[in-house]
Every structure is written in structure tokens, then in C-alpha cells.
Amino acid sequence: MLRVQKVKVDEIYVPTARKKTLHPETVRHLAEDILENGMKTPIQVRHDGKRHILVEGLHRLEAAKWLGETEIEAYLVQAKRH
């Protein structure tokens, strides 16, 4: 079973290919929803021994940054590199 843990947003590496899928308007809408309702689903990260790497949840991560959050809830998953 996956456990939710807090991860510092500035310690999460976002692969370049993932950054290309970012839609600023989606981030804005999601940030508004998070303000009203809270974060509903944790992001997913994997750890490569040195840092956390984003697996799922780019827009949620960016919305948290936009809101000034320093930590975000995340599932630590075992995932292969893309």
C-alpha cells in the first residue's frame, strides 16, 4: 500500500520532457480549486538515491508552487525511467 509523505517542492526534479506538457491555464484553474477544496490527490515521485523525480502530477506540483507551498503530499512509487 502506498503511503503519503510530505516532500519539499523545490527538491522535486521535473524531467524536461514532462515540462513540455505544462499548460499554464490548467495550473491556474487547479490552484483555484486547491484553495477552495484542498489537494485531493497526492502527486507521485520516485527516488533515485539523490533526489525525488516527478512521475505524475506536474500540474498539481506547479499549482502548489504558484500558491507558495513549500511542501506537497506525494506517493513514493517504484517506477522505471521514461
Protein backbone atom coordinates (compact mmCIF):
# COMPACT_ATOMS: atom_id res chain seq x y z
CA MET A 1 0.00 0.00 0.00
CA LEU A 2 1.25 3.45 -0.87
CA ARG A 3 1.93 5.89 1.93
CA VAL A 4 1.58 9.63 1.59
CA GLN A 5 4.62 11.65 2.63
CA LYS A 6 5.48 15.33 2.54
CA VAL A 7 8.16 16.33 0.02
CA LYS A 8 9.70 19.78 -0.40
CA VAL A 9 8.57 21.19 -3.75
CA ASP A 10 12.00 22.65 -4.52
CA GLU A 11 13.58 19.19 -4.14
CA ILE A 12 11.45 17.58 -6.86
CA TYR A 13 13.12 17.24 -10.24
CA VAL A 14 10.82 17.52 -13.25
CA PRO A 15 12.22 15.81 -16.37
CA THR A 16 12.48 18.11 -19.40
CA ALA A 17 10.04 16.03 -21.44
CA ARG A 18 7.44 16.42 -18.69
CA LYS A 19 7.88 20.22 -18.60
CA LYS A 20 6.83 20.40 -22.25
CA THR A 21 3.35 19.14 -21.32
CA LEU A 22 2.68 22.03 -18.92
CA HIS A 23 -0.44 24.15 -19.58
CA PRO A 24 -0.38 27.40 -17.51
CA GLU A 25 -4.17 27.84 -17.70
CA THR A 26 -4.66 24.37 -16.20
CA VAL A 27 -2.27 25.28 -13.38
CA ARG A 28 -4.26 28.44 -12.62
CA HIS A 29 -7.60 26.59 -12.53
CA LEU A 30 -6.12 23.82 -10.41
CA ALA A 31 -4.61 26.34 -7.97
CA GLU A 32 -8.04 27.94 -7.53
CA ASP A 33 -9.57 24.53 -6.86
CA ILE A 34 -6.84 23.66 -4.34
CA LEU A 35 -7.53 26.93 -2.49
CA GLU A 36 -11.22 26.07 -2.25
CA ASN A 37 -11.09 22.32 -1.71
CA GLY A 38 -7.51 21.33 -0.85
CA MET A 39 -5.26 18.91 -2.69
CA LYS A 40 -7.39 15.86 -3.48
CA THR A 41 -4.78 13.50 -4.91
CA PRO A 42 -1.09 13.37 -3.96
CA ILE A 43 1.49 13.57 -6.73
CA GLN A 44 3.73 10.56 -7.46
CA VAL A 45 7.50 10.70 -7.20
CA ARG A 46 10.31 8.18 -7.29
CA HIS A 47 13.64 8.49 -5.53
CA ASP A 48 16.85 7.75 -7.42
CA GLY A 49 19.07 7.81 -4.34
CA LYS A 50 19.83 11.53 -4.61
CA ARG A 51 16.57 13.31 -5.37
CA HIS A 52 12.85 12.93 -5.90
CA ILE A 53 11.78 12.74 -9.55
CA LEU A 54 8.24 13.55 -10.63
CA VAL A 55 6.31 10.60 -12.08
CA GLU A 56 2.74 12.01 -12.09
CA GLY A 57 1.21 15.33 -11.07
CA LEU A 58 3.02 18.11 -12.95
CA HIS A 59 0.07 20.49 -12.86
CA ARG A 60 -0.59 19.82 -9.17
CA LEU A 61 3.09 20.45 -8.38
CA GLU A 62 3.13 23.70 -10.36
CA ALA A 63 -0.15 24.81 -8.75
CA ALA A 64 1.35 24.20 -5.31
CA LYS A 65 4.39 26.27 -6.28
CA TRP A 66 2.12 29.02 -7.64
CA LEU A 67 0.30 29.08 -4.30
CA GLY A 68 3.60 29.44 -2.44
CA GLU A 69 3.55 25.99 -0.86
CA THR A 70 6.91 24.68 0.31
CA GLU A 71 5.82 21.04 0.68
CA ILE A 72 3.42 18.79 -1.17
CA GLU A 73 1.91 15.40 -0.38
CA ALA A 74 3.35 12.65 -2.56
CA TYR A 75 3.29 8.92 -3.01
CA LEU A 76 6.77 7.41 -3.28
CA VAL A 77 6.50 4.87 -6.09
CA GLN A 78 8.79 2.39 -7.79
CA ALA A 79 8.82 3.49 -11.41
CA LYS A 80 11.04 2.94 -14.38
CA ARG A 81 12.71 5.84 -16.09
CA HIS A 82 10.90 7.27 -19.07
